[in-house]
Amino acid sequence: MNASVVDLRYRMKDILKALDRNETVTIMYHGKKKGIITPSSSSNDINILQHPFFGMTADDTEESVETTVDELRNGRY
């Protein structure tokens, strides 16, 4: 779906419906493509058993709890 900047303001309901249909929405400004809105994936749920913090105790790990927490709290880049 193509949408102009004005459509973002006045036709947001249609844009949200398109995202519900898993369509990408291309944002146009003065006839030029400015950006793309993609639908979010709902597969963000991970298995709790696969999480690196699951089952962590002080006596069964090679590295310390502080080191593991620091790795989990790292920035994005």
N, C-alpha and C. Protein backbone atom coordinates (compact mmCIF):
# COMPACT_ATOMS: atom_id res chain seq x y z
N MET A 1 0.85 -1.17 0.00
CA MET A 1 0.00 0.00 0.00
C MET A 1 0.89 1.23 0.00
N ASN A 2 0.54 2.20 -0.81
CA ASN A 2 1.22 3.49 -0.81
C ASN A 2 0.37 4.49 -0.04
N ALA A 3 1.00 5.28 0.77
CA ALA A 3 0.28 6.29 1.55
C ALA A 3 1.10 7.57 1.57
N SER A 4 0.42 8.67 1.43
CA SER A 4 1.11 9.96 1.51
C SER A 4 1.16 10.41 2.97
N VAL A 5 1.86 11.49 3.19
CA VAL A 5 1.95 12.03 4.54
C VAL A 5 0.58 12.47 5.03
N VAL A 6 -0.24 12.98 4.12
CA VAL A 6 -1.60 13.39 4.48
C VAL A 6 -2.43 12.17 4.87
N ASP A 7 -2.21 11.03 4.16
CA ASP A 7 -2.92 9.80 4.51
C ASP A 7 -2.57 9.33 5.92
N LEU A 8 -1.35 9.57 6.33
CA LEU A 8 -0.97 9.20 7.69
C LEU A 8 -1.83 9.93 8.72
N ARG A 9 -2.21 11.12 8.38
CA ARG A 9 -3.00 11.91 9.32
C ARG A 9 -4.48 11.57 9.24
N TYR A 10 -5.01 11.48 8.03
CA TYR A 10 -6.46 11.37 7.88
C TYR A 10 -6.96 9.95 7.63
N ARG A 11 -6.10 9.04 7.22
CA ARG A 11 -6.53 7.68 6.91
C ARG A 11 -5.74 6.64 7.70
N MET A 12 -5.43 6.95 8.93
CA MET A 12 -4.63 6.04 9.75
C MET A 12 -5.33 4.70 9.95
N LYS A 13 -6.66 4.71 10.00
CA LYS A 13 -7.41 3.47 10.18
C LYS A 13 -7.15 2.51 9.02
N ASP A 14 -7.11 3.03 7.80
CA ASP A 14 -6.84 2.19 6.63
C ASP A 14 -5.41 1.66 6.64
N ILE A 15 -4.49 2.48 7.10
CA ILE A 15 -3.10 2.04 7.18
C ILE A 15 -2.94 0.94 8.22
N LEU A 16 -3.61 1.07 9.34
CA LEU A 16 -3.55 0.03 10.37
C LEU A 16 -4.20 -1.26 9.90
N LYS A 17 -5.27 -1.15 9.12
CA LYS A 17 -5.90 -2.35 8.55
C LYS A 17 -4.95 -3.05 7.58
N ALA A 18 -4.22 -2.26 6.79
CA ALA A 18 -3.25 -2.85 5.87
C ALA A 18 -2.14 -3.57 6.63
N LEU A 19 -1.71 -2.99 7.73
CA LEU A 19 -0.69 -3.65 8.55
C LEU A 19 -1.24 -4.92 9.19
N ASP A 20 -2.53 -4.93 9.54
CA ASP A 20 -3.14 -6.15 10.07
C ASP A 20 -3.18 -7.25 9.02
N ARG A 21 -3.25 -6.87 7.74
CA ARG A 21 -3.23 -7.84 6.65
C ARG A 21 -1.81 -8.21 6.25
N ASN A 22 -0.84 -7.82 7.04
CA ASN A 22 0.59 -8.07 6.82
C ASN A 22 1.09 -7.45 5.53
N GLU A 23 0.56 -6.29 5.16
CA GLU A 23 1.05 -5.54 4.01
C GLU A 23 2.06 -4.51 4.50
N THR A 24 3.03 -4.22 3.66
CA THR A 24 3.93 -3.13 3.97
C THR A 24 3.34 -1.84 3.42
N VAL A 25 3.54 -0.76 4.12
CA VAL A 25 3.01 0.54 3.72
C VAL A 25 4.19 1.43 3.35
N THR A 26 4.18 1.91 2.11
CA THR A 26 5.22 2.81 1.63
C THR A 26 4.76 4.24 1.82
N ILE A 27 5.55 5.03 2.50
CA ILE A 27 5.22 6.43 2.76
C ILE A 27 5.80 7.29 1.65
N MET A 28 4.94 8.06 1.00
CA MET A 28 5.34 8.93 -0.10
C MET A 28 5.24 10.39 0.35
N TYR A 29 6.22 11.20 -0.08
CA TYR A 29 6.21 12.63 0.21
C TYR A 29 6.60 13.35 -1.08
N HIS A 30 5.68 14.12 -1.60
CA HIS A 30 5.86 14.80 -2.89
C HIS A 30 6.21 13.81 -3.99
N GLY A 31 5.59 12.63 -3.96
CA GLY A 31 5.79 11.62 -4.99
C GLY A 31 7.05 10.80 -4.85
N LYS A 32 7.83 11.03 -3.82
CA LYS A 32 9.06 10.27 -3.61
C LYS A 32 8.92 9.41 -2.37
N LYS A 33 9.49 8.23 -2.44
CA LYS A 33 9.42 7.31 -1.32
C LYS A 33 10.30 7.81 -0.18
N LYS A 34 9.69 7.98 1.00
CA LYS A 34 10.43 8.45 2.18
C LYS A 34 10.70 7.35 3.19
N GLY A 35 9.84 6.34 3.22
CA GLY A 35 10.03 5.29 4.20
C GLY A 35 9.05 4.16 3.99
N ILE A 36 9.25 3.12 4.76
CA ILE A 36 8.40 1.93 4.69
C ILE A 36 8.01 1.54 6.11
N ILE A 37 6.73 1.27 6.30
CA ILE A 37 6.23 0.74 7.57
C ILE A 37 5.95 -0.73 7.34
N THR A 38 6.59 -1.59 8.11
CA THR A 38 6.38 -3.02 7.97
C THR A 38 5.61 -3.54 9.17
N PRO A 39 4.78 -4.56 8.98
CA PRO A 39 4.05 -5.11 10.12
C PRO A 39 5.01 -5.82 11.08
N SER A 40 4.70 -5.73 12.34
CA SER A 40 5.56 -6.38 13.33
C SER A 40 5.30 -7.86 13.31
N SER A 41 6.35 -8.61 13.59
CA SER A 41 6.19 -10.05 13.65
C SER A 41 5.79 -10.42 15.07
N SER A 42 4.82 -11.29 15.18
CA SER A 42 4.34 -11.67 16.51
C SER A 42 5.10 -12.86 17.06
N SER A 43 6.21 -13.22 16.43
CA SER A 43 6.98 -14.37 16.90
C SER A 43 8.09 -13.93 17.85
N ASN A 44 7.85 -12.90 18.64
CA ASN A 44 8.84 -12.44 19.60
C ASN A 44 8.91 -13.34 20.82
N ASP A 45 7.94 -14.22 20.98
CA ASP A 45 7.94 -15.11 22.13
C ASP A 45 9.02 -16.16 21.95
N ILE A 46 9.90 -16.26 22.93
CA ILE A 46 10.93 -17.28 22.89
C ILE A 46 10.61 -18.33 23.94
N ASN A 47 11.14 -19.49 23.73
CA ASN A 47 10.97 -20.56 24.69
C ASN A 47 11.79 -20.20 25.93
N ILE A 48 11.16 -20.28 27.08
CA ILE A 48 11.83 -19.89 28.32
C ILE A 48 13.02 -20.79 28.62
N LEU A 49 12.98 -22.03 28.14
CA LEU A 49 14.10 -22.93 28.37
C LEU A 49 15.32 -22.54 27.56
N GLN A 50 15.14 -21.79 26.48
CA GLN A 50 16.25 -21.36 25.64
C GLN A 50 16.88 -20.06 26.12
N HIS A 51 16.27 -19.39 27.08
CA HIS A 51 16.81 -18.12 27.56
C HIS A 51 18.09 -18.38 28.33
N PRO A 52 19.12 -17.58 28.11
CA PRO A 52 20.41 -17.84 28.77
C PRO A 52 20.37 -17.68 30.29
N PHE A 53 19.36 -17.04 30.82
CA PHE A 53 19.28 -16.83 32.26
C PHE A 53 18.56 -17.97 32.97
N PHE A 54 17.93 -18.89 32.22
CA PHE A 54 17.15 -19.97 32.81
C PHE A 54 18.07 -20.97 33.50
N GLY A 55 17.74 -21.32 34.72
CA GLY A 55 18.49 -22.34 35.45
C GLY A 55 19.86 -21.89 35.92
N MET A 56 20.10 -20.61 35.97
CA MET A 56 21.42 -20.13 36.36
C MET A 56 21.54 -20.17 37.89
N THR A 57 22.53 -20.84 38.35
CA THR A 57 22.87 -20.81 39.76
C THR A 57 24.37 -20.56 39.87
N ALA A 58 24.80 -20.22 41.05
CA ALA A 58 26.20 -19.84 41.23
C ALA A 58 27.14 -21.03 41.09
N ASP A 59 26.65 -22.26 41.32
CA ASP A 59 27.58 -23.38 41.35
C ASP A 59 27.60 -24.19 40.05
N ASP A 60 26.72 -23.94 39.09
CA ASP A 60 26.74 -24.76 37.88
C ASP A 60 27.10 -23.98 36.61
N THR A 61 27.70 -22.82 36.74
CA THR A 61 28.10 -22.06 35.57
C THR A 61 29.60 -21.81 35.59
N GLU A 62 30.16 -21.63 34.40
CA GLU A 62 31.59 -21.36 34.31
C GLU A 62 31.89 -19.89 34.57
N GLU A 63 30.98 -19.01 34.17
CA GLU A 63 31.22 -17.58 34.37
C GLU A 63 30.29 -17.06 35.46
N SER A 64 30.64 -15.93 35.99
CA SER A 64 29.88 -15.39 37.11
C SER A 64 28.53 -14.84 36.65
N VAL A 65 27.64 -14.68 37.58
CA VAL A 65 26.32 -14.13 37.30
C VAL A 65 26.45 -12.69 36.80
N GLU A 66 27.36 -11.94 37.38
CA GLU A 66 27.55 -10.55 36.98
C GLU A 66 27.98 -10.45 35.52
N THR A 67 28.86 -11.35 35.08
CA THR A 67 29.31 -11.35 33.69
C THR A 67 28.16 -11.65 32.75
N THR A 68 27.34 -12.62 33.10
CA THR A 68 26.20 -12.98 32.25
C THR A 68 25.18 -11.86 32.19
N VAL A 69 24.92 -11.21 33.31
CA VAL A 69 23.97 -10.09 33.32
C VAL A 69 24.51 -8.94 32.49
N ASP A 70 25.81 -8.68 32.56
CA ASP A 70 26.40 -7.63 31.74
C ASP A 70 26.28 -7.94 30.25
N GLU A 71 26.43 -9.21 29.87
CA GLU A 71 26.26 -9.60 28.47
C GLU A 71 24.82 -9.41 28.01
N LEU A 72 23.86 -9.73 28.88
CA LEU A 72 22.46 -9.57 28.53
C LEU A 72 22.06 -8.11 28.43
N ARG A 73 22.72 -7.24 29.17
CA ARG A 73 22.37 -5.82 29.19
C ARG A 73 23.19 -4.99 28.21
N ASN A 74 23.95 -5.62 27.34
CA ASN A 74 24.74 -4.87 26.37
C ASN A 74 23.85 -4.03 25.49
N GLY A 75 24.42 -3.00 24.92
CA GLY A 75 23.69 -2.16 23.99
C GLY A 75 23.43 -2.89 22.68
N ARG A 76 22.73 -2.22 21.80
CA ARG A 76 22.40 -2.82 20.52
C ARG A 76 23.60 -2.94 19.60
N TYR A 77 24.54 -2.01 19.71
CA TYR A 77 25.61 -1.96 18.72
C TYR A 77 26.92 -2.32 19.32
